[in-house]
Amino acid sequence: MLANVLRDSGCEGVMVSPDFACAMGMALAKLEQPIGLQLACVGSKSTINYGTETTIVFGDTHVKEYFDVSNIDYYDIILGTPFLQCLGSCPGLLWPRDDMHGDIDSLQEPPVKFT
């Protein structure tokens, strides 16, 4: 499955869109306490009500990761600082850069799988 992924070292979370989570068959867990989400833009607020856990496969590397399920725009997945630190890597080293900023990649199977 093709995914629009944002690697964002300035993001404090790891998020997946509800549509992508459902398409991948990820089991969603309702949070006991919703979490407020405030972005850097005026009026840009949301609430996180669900979470999910899945395994991301990079070749021989398997990473079990928790995702907040959030109504993110354009992207299917945002891999923020917690995930990047888990790999001990910085955004420019995870995948080859395909633009001047190195923030946007389209992930294809292989090399990356969400299980």
Protein backbone atom coordinates (compact mmCIF):
# COMPACT_ATOMS: atom_id res chain seq x y z
CA MET A 1 0.00 0.00 0.00
CA LEU A 2 1.29 3.47 -0.86
CA ALA A 3 1.45 6.05 1.96
CA ASN A 4 2.18 9.78 2.05
CA VAL A 5 4.57 10.13 4.98
CA LEU A 6 5.96 13.26 6.64
CA ARG A 7 9.19 12.85 8.63
CA ASP A 8 9.07 15.79 11.00
CA SER A 9 11.80 16.23 13.60
CA GLY A 10 9.81 19.20 14.98
CA CYS A 11 6.74 17.07 15.73
CA GLU A 12 6.39 15.61 19.22
CA GLY A 13 4.10 12.79 18.13
CA VAL A 14 3.74 9.86 15.80
CA MET A 15 0.39 10.00 14.00
CA VAL A 16 -1.68 8.11 11.48
CA SER A 17 -4.83 9.25 9.70
CA PRO A 18 -8.07 7.38 10.48
CA ASP A 19 -8.54 6.47 6.80
CA PHE A 20 -5.07 4.92 6.51
CA ALA A 21 -5.45 3.09 9.84
CA CYS A 22 -8.74 1.57 8.66
CA ALA A 23 -7.33 0.70 5.22
CA MET A 24 -4.45 -1.14 6.91
CA GLY A 25 -6.79 -2.93 9.33
CA MET A 26 -5.13 -1.42 12.41
CA ALA A 27 -7.02 -2.08 15.66
CA LEU A 28 -8.02 1.25 17.22
CA ALA A 29 -8.21 1.78 20.98
CA LYS A 30 -10.40 4.57 22.38
CA LEU A 31 -8.46 6.77 24.78
CA GLU A 32 -9.89 7.19 28.28
CA GLN A 33 -8.93 10.88 28.20
CA PRO A 34 -8.91 12.67 24.81
CA ILE A 35 -5.72 14.61 24.11
CA GLY A 36 -5.84 18.15 22.73
CA LEU A 37 -3.73 18.79 19.66
CA GLN A 38 -2.55 22.33 18.88
CA LEU A 39 -0.62 23.05 15.73
CA ALA A 40 1.44 26.13 14.95
CA CYS A 41 -1.33 27.84 12.98
CA VAL A 42 -4.10 30.07 14.33
CA GLY A 43 -7.30 28.06 14.70
CA SER A 44 -5.55 24.78 13.98
CA LYS A 45 -6.81 22.54 16.80
CA SER A 46 -7.99 18.96 17.02
CA THR A 47 -8.55 16.22 19.55
CA ILE A 48 -6.98 12.78 19.60
CA ASN A 49 -9.57 10.20 20.67
CA TYR A 50 -7.97 6.96 19.45
CA GLY A 51 -4.59 5.27 19.32
CA THR A 52 -3.15 2.17 17.69
CA GLU A 53 0.01 0.12 17.82
CA THR A 54 1.64 -1.55 14.84
CA THR A 55 4.96 -2.87 13.64
CA ILE A 56 6.90 -1.03 10.95
CA VAL A 57 9.32 -3.15 8.94
CA PHE A 58 12.43 -1.66 7.28
CA GLY A 59 14.20 -4.57 5.62
CA ASP A 60 15.42 -6.65 8.59
CA THR A 61 14.49 -3.99 11.19
CA HIS A 62 11.14 -4.32 13.00
CA VAL A 63 9.95 -1.39 15.11
CA LYS A 64 6.80 -1.66 17.24
CA GLU A 65 5.30 1.83 17.42
CA TYR A 66 2.30 3.54 19.03
CA PHE A 67 0.41 6.00 16.82
CA ASP A 68 -2.08 8.70 17.74
CA VAL A 69 -5.00 8.54 15.30
CA SER A 70 -5.59 12.10 14.16
CA ASN A 71 -7.27 13.97 11.32
CA ILE A 72 -4.01 14.98 9.67
CA ASP A 73 -4.23 16.78 6.35
CA TYR A 74 -2.66 15.38 3.15
CA TYR A 75 -0.39 12.85 4.89
CA ASP A 76 -1.30 9.32 5.92
CA ILE A 77 1.45 9.16 8.54
CA ILE A 78 3.59 11.65 10.45
CA LEU A 79 6.77 10.21 11.93
CA GLY A 80 7.87 12.69 14.57
CA THR A 81 10.77 12.97 16.97
CA PRO A 82 9.89 9.94 19.17
CA PHE A 83 10.06 7.59 16.19
CA LEU A 84 13.17 9.21 14.73
CA GLN A 85 14.93 8.95 18.11
CA CYS A 86 13.87 5.30 18.40
CA LEU A 87 15.86 4.58 15.25
CA GLY A 88 18.78 6.68 16.45
CA SER A 89 18.60 8.56 13.19
CA CYS A 90 17.82 11.97 11.79
CA PRO A 91 15.22 12.55 9.03
CA GLY A 92 17.72 12.91 6.17
CA LEU A 93 19.21 9.49 6.93
CA LEU A 94 16.04 7.38 7.00
CA TRP A 95 15.29 7.49 3.30
CA PRO A 96 16.88 9.25 0.34
CA ARG A 97 15.71 12.85 0.01
CA ASP A 98 13.39 13.43 -2.90
CA ASP A 99 13.04 17.20 -2.61
CA MET A 100 15.05 20.21 -1.41
CA HIS A 101 13.71 19.95 2.14
CA GLY A 102 13.80 16.16 2.55
CA ASP A 103 10.53 16.13 4.50
CA ILE A 104 8.16 14.34 2.13
CA ASP A 105 8.45 10.77 0.89
CA SER A 106 6.05 8.34 -0.69
CA LEU A 107 6.74 4.97 0.88
CA GLN A 108 6.18 1.88 -1.22
CA GLU A 109 6.33 -1.84 -0.43
CA PRO A 110 9.16 -2.78 -0.15
CA PRO A 111 11.23 -1.46 1.67
CA VAL A 112 8.74 -0.25 4.32
CA LYS A 113 5.75 -2.25 5.57
CA PHE A 114 3.17 -1.51 8.25
CA THR A 115 1.82 -4.71 9.81
